Amino acid sequence: MIRDLIIKNRSYRRFNSSVKITFKQIEKWIELARFSASGRNMQPLKYVVCTDEQINEKIFPNLGWAGFLTDWKGPAENERPVAYIAVLHDKELSDNYYCDDGIAIQSILLGAVEDGFGGCIIGTVNKSKVAKILNIPDNLEILWMIALGKPAEKCILEEMENNDIKYWRDSNEIHHVPKRALSEIISKHV
C-alpha cells in the first residue's frame, strides 16, 4: 500500500480546477506532518494554507513550474492549483530545520494522494512577494510552496536511459519521469 502511494505521488503540475479542496482536508494532511519525525524534536515548521481563489491568483505568477519544460509557461487557467500550502521555518524556534521539510512535505503529499488529490513542491518562489500576499511575519521564512488539486495529467515512471534525468511530455501530454535503476542507486551491499 505505501509503495502504491509513493508511486502515485508525482509532481503534478496540472489540476482540475473545478474540484475544490477544503481547509479541513488540508488540515488533516498537515496533521500527518505534525505526527512525523523532527530533528531534535524541535518542530520548527509552520504552515500557511490558502484556498481562496483571489489570493491564489496573486500567488500563481510568483511561482516557477517546470524547469525542464522550457516551452511551457505553467498550467492554464482551468488547470491551476485550487490550494497552496506555504511551508515555513520558524526562526524563533530553531536556527535549523534539518531534513524536517522533506519529511513533512512527503507526509502531506501522501495524505493528499491517499484522498485522491495530488500536489507539486515548488522551490522557485518569489518569497518576498508571496510573504507579502499571505501576510507572513518576518520570523517565518518560506521554504517551499506546495500546490494542490485534483490531478488532471497522467505521470509515468520509466527507467532512465543514457543518464538523462530530464522529465518530459509526449505528444499526448503524458508526463514521463525517468528514474535511475535500483541496481544503480544501491552502491554497495556488505
Protein backbone atom coordinates (compact mmCIF):
# COMPACT_ATOMS: atom_id res chain seq x y z
CA MET A 1 0.00 0.00 0.00
CA ILE A 2 2.72 2.53 0.89
CA ARG A 3 4.58 1.56 -2.30
CA ASP A 4 1.48 2.33 -4.38
CA LEU A 5 1.00 5.70 -2.67
CA ILE A 6 4.64 6.66 -3.24
CA ILE A 7 4.50 5.68 -6.92
CA LYS A 8 1.24 7.64 -7.34
CA ASN A 9 2.72 10.67 -5.52
CA ARG A 10 4.12 12.58 -8.50
CA SER A 11 4.86 16.25 -9.06
CA TYR A 12 1.50 17.11 -10.57
CA ARG A 13 1.51 20.46 -12.34
CA ARG A 14 -1.95 20.43 -13.93
CA PHE A 15 -5.15 20.15 -11.94
CA ASN A 16 -8.90 20.04 -12.45
CA SER A 17 -9.61 23.47 -11.03
CA SER A 18 -13.34 22.74 -10.71
CA VAL A 19 -12.61 20.24 -7.91
CA LYS A 20 -12.03 22.19 -4.69
CA ILE A 21 -10.15 21.20 -1.55
CA THR A 22 -11.41 22.30 1.85
CA PHE A 23 -9.30 23.67 4.66
CA LYS A 24 -10.40 20.65 6.75
CA GLN A 25 -8.92 18.26 4.18
CA ILE A 26 -5.61 20.13 4.13
CA GLU A 27 -5.60 20.36 7.93
CA LYS A 28 -5.85 16.55 8.05
CA TRP A 29 -2.78 16.26 5.76
CA ILE A 30 -0.80 18.78 7.80
CA GLU A 31 -1.60 16.75 10.88
CA LEU A 32 0.31 13.89 9.23
CA ALA A 33 3.32 16.24 9.10
CA ARG A 34 2.77 17.08 12.77
CA PHE A 35 2.99 13.37 13.64
CA SER A 36 6.16 12.91 11.53
CA ALA A 37 9.72 12.85 12.83
CA SER A 38 11.51 16.13 13.54
CA GLY A 39 15.24 16.67 14.10
CA ARG A 40 15.84 17.12 17.86
CA ASN A 41 12.02 17.18 18.05
CA MET A 42 12.20 20.97 17.62
CA GLN A 43 9.21 21.04 15.26
CA PRO A 44 10.25 24.37 13.69
CA LEU A 45 7.94 24.17 10.68
CA LYS A 46 4.74 26.15 10.33
CA TYR A 47 2.23 26.31 7.50
CA VAL A 48 0.01 28.89 5.84
CA VAL A 49 -2.90 27.38 3.92
CA CYS A 50 -4.64 29.25 1.12
CA THR A 51 -7.82 28.00 -0.55
CA ASP A 52 -9.07 31.47 -1.56
CA GLU A 53 -9.33 31.79 -5.36
CA GLN A 54 -8.46 35.50 -5.49
CA ILE A 55 -5.39 35.10 -3.30
CA ASN A 56 -4.34 32.00 -5.26
CA GLU A 57 -4.45 34.14 -8.43
CA LYS A 58 -1.97 36.54 -6.80
CA ILE A 59 0.32 33.70 -5.69
CA PHE A 60 0.41 31.90 -9.05
CA PRO A 61 2.62 34.34 -11.06
CA ASN A 62 5.22 34.25 -8.28
CA LEU A 63 5.97 30.55 -8.79
CA GLY A 64 8.15 28.65 -11.27
CA TRP A 65 6.58 25.49 -12.63
CA ALA A 66 8.82 23.08 -14.56
CA GLY A 67 12.46 23.84 -15.28
CA PHE A 68 12.90 21.10 -17.89
CA LEU A 69 9.75 22.05 -19.80
CA THR A 70 11.28 25.22 -21.18
CA ASP A 71 8.48 25.98 -23.66
CA TRP A 72 5.72 25.60 -21.02
CA LYS A 73 4.63 28.65 -19.01
CA GLY A 74 2.79 26.66 -16.37
CA PRO A 75 -0.74 25.37 -16.01
CA ALA A 76 -3.55 27.01 -17.98
CA GLU A 77 -6.14 28.96 -16.01
CA ASN A 78 -8.51 25.96 -15.74
CA GLU A 79 -5.60 23.69 -14.67
CA ARG A 80 -4.21 25.77 -11.82
CA PRO A 81 -3.99 24.63 -8.21
CA VAL A 82 -7.03 25.14 -6.02
CA ALA A 83 -4.95 25.43 -2.86
CA TYR A 84 -1.45 26.22 -1.69
CA ILE A 85 0.50 25.47 1.45
CA ALA A 86 3.42 27.70 2.31
CA VAL A 87 5.93 25.59 4.23
CA LEU A 88 7.68 27.88 6.70
CA HIS A 89 10.67 27.77 9.03
CA ASP A 90 10.00 29.49 12.36
CA LYS A 91 13.42 31.04 13.03
CA GLU A 92 12.39 31.86 16.61
CA LEU A 93 12.05 28.16 17.42
CA SER A 94 15.27 26.90 15.86
CA ASP A 95 18.07 28.11 13.63
CA ASN A 96 17.97 24.83 11.69
CA TYR A 97 15.18 22.67 10.34
CA TYR A 98 17.48 19.80 9.28
CA CYS A 99 15.50 17.47 6.99
CA ASP A 100 12.13 18.17 8.61
CA ASP A 101 10.85 19.92 5.49
CA GLY A 102 11.28 16.86 3.28
CA ILE A 103 9.74 14.52 5.83
CA ALA A 104 6.78 16.83 6.46
CA ILE A 105 6.08 17.55 2.79
CA GLN A 106 6.20 13.86 1.90
CA SER A 107 3.70 13.15 4.69
CA ILE A 108 1.37 15.92 3.48
CA LEU A 109 1.52 14.78 -0.14
CA LEU A 110 1.00 11.11 0.71
CA GLY A 111 -2.13 12.12 2.62
CA ALA A 112 -3.32 14.13 -0.36
CA VAL A 113 -2.71 11.23 -2.75
CA GLU A 114 -4.49 8.80 -0.45
CA ASP A 115 -7.53 11.11 -0.62
CA GLY A 116 -7.46 11.31 -4.43
CA PHE A 117 -5.59 14.61 -4.76
CA GLY A 118 -2.03 15.50 -5.64
CA GLY A 119 0.48 18.26 -5.47
CA CYS A 120 3.75 19.75 -6.54
CA ILE A 121 6.56 21.02 -4.35
CA ILE A 122 7.65 24.37 -5.73
CA GLY A 123 11.05 25.77 -4.85
CA THR A 124 11.15 28.57 -7.40
CA VAL A 125 9.20 31.13 -5.40
CA ASN A 126 9.37 34.91 -5.22
CA LYS A 127 9.44 34.60 -1.45
CA SER A 128 9.18 38.28 -0.60
CA LYS A 129 6.10 38.78 -2.79
CA VAL A 130 4.37 35.62 -1.59
CA ALA A 131 5.16 36.53 2.04
CA LYS A 132 3.53 39.90 1.47
CA ILE A 133 0.47 38.37 -0.26
CA LEU A 134 0.00 35.91 2.63
CA ASN A 135 0.94 38.47 5.32
CA ILE A 136 3.66 36.19 6.73
CA PRO A 137 5.62 37.71 9.66
CA ASP A 138 9.40 38.15 9.45
CA ASN A 139 10.20 35.31 11.87
CA LEU A 140 8.69 32.83 9.39
CA GLU A 141 10.79 32.07 6.31
CA ILE A 142 9.16 30.49 3.25
CA LEU A 143 11.00 27.28 2.39
CA TRP A 144 8.64 25.79 -0.20
CA MET A 145 5.19 26.18 -1.67
CA ILE A 146 3.02 23.12 -2.19
CA ALA A 147 0.48 23.44 -5.00
CA LEU A 148 -2.55 21.19 -4.51
CA GLY A 149 -5.51 19.97 -6.53
CA LYS A 150 -7.16 17.07 -8.31
CA PRO A 151 -4.54 15.88 -10.84
CA ALA A 152 -5.51 16.50 -14.48
CA GLU A 153 -2.50 14.81 -16.01
CA LYS A 154 -1.02 11.35 -16.25
CA CYS A 155 2.51 10.78 -14.97
CA ILE A 156 4.52 7.69 -15.84
CA LEU A 157 7.70 6.50 -14.15
CA GLU A 158 10.19 4.89 -16.50
CA GLU A 159 13.72 3.55 -16.47
CA MET A 160 16.33 6.20 -17.10
CA GLU A 161 18.30 5.95 -20.32
CA ASN A 162 21.72 7.47 -21.05
CA ASN A 163 21.84 9.05 -17.58
CA ASP A 164 19.17 11.57 -18.71
CA ILE A 165 17.26 12.88 -15.68
CA LYS A 166 15.01 15.30 -17.60
CA TYR A 167 11.28 14.71 -17.31
CA TRP A 168 9.28 15.36 -20.47
CA ARG A 169 5.84 15.29 -22.04
CA ASP A 170 4.91 13.27 -25.09
CA SER A 171 2.52 14.29 -27.88
CA ASN A 172 -0.42 13.05 -25.77
CA GLU A 173 0.64 15.35 -22.89
CA ILE A 174 1.63 12.37 -20.74
CA HIS A 175 4.35 13.39 -18.29
CA HIS A 176 7.33 10.97 -18.26
CA VAL A 177 9.67 10.84 -15.26
CA PRO A 178 12.92 8.87 -15.69
CA LYS A 179 14.23 7.06 -12.61
CA ARG A 180 17.62 5.51 -12.01
CA ALA A 181 17.68 1.71 -11.74
CA LEU A 182 17.68 0.23 -8.25
CA SER A 183 20.98 -1.51 -9.04
CA GLU A 184 22.48 1.90 -9.75
CA ILE A 185 21.41 3.61 -6.54
CA ILE A 186 22.43 0.81 -4.15
CA SER A 187 26.15 1.37 -4.28
CA LYS A 188 27.24 -1.47 -2.04
CA HIS A 189 26.00 -4.43 -0.05
CA VAL A 190 28.27 -5.70 2.69
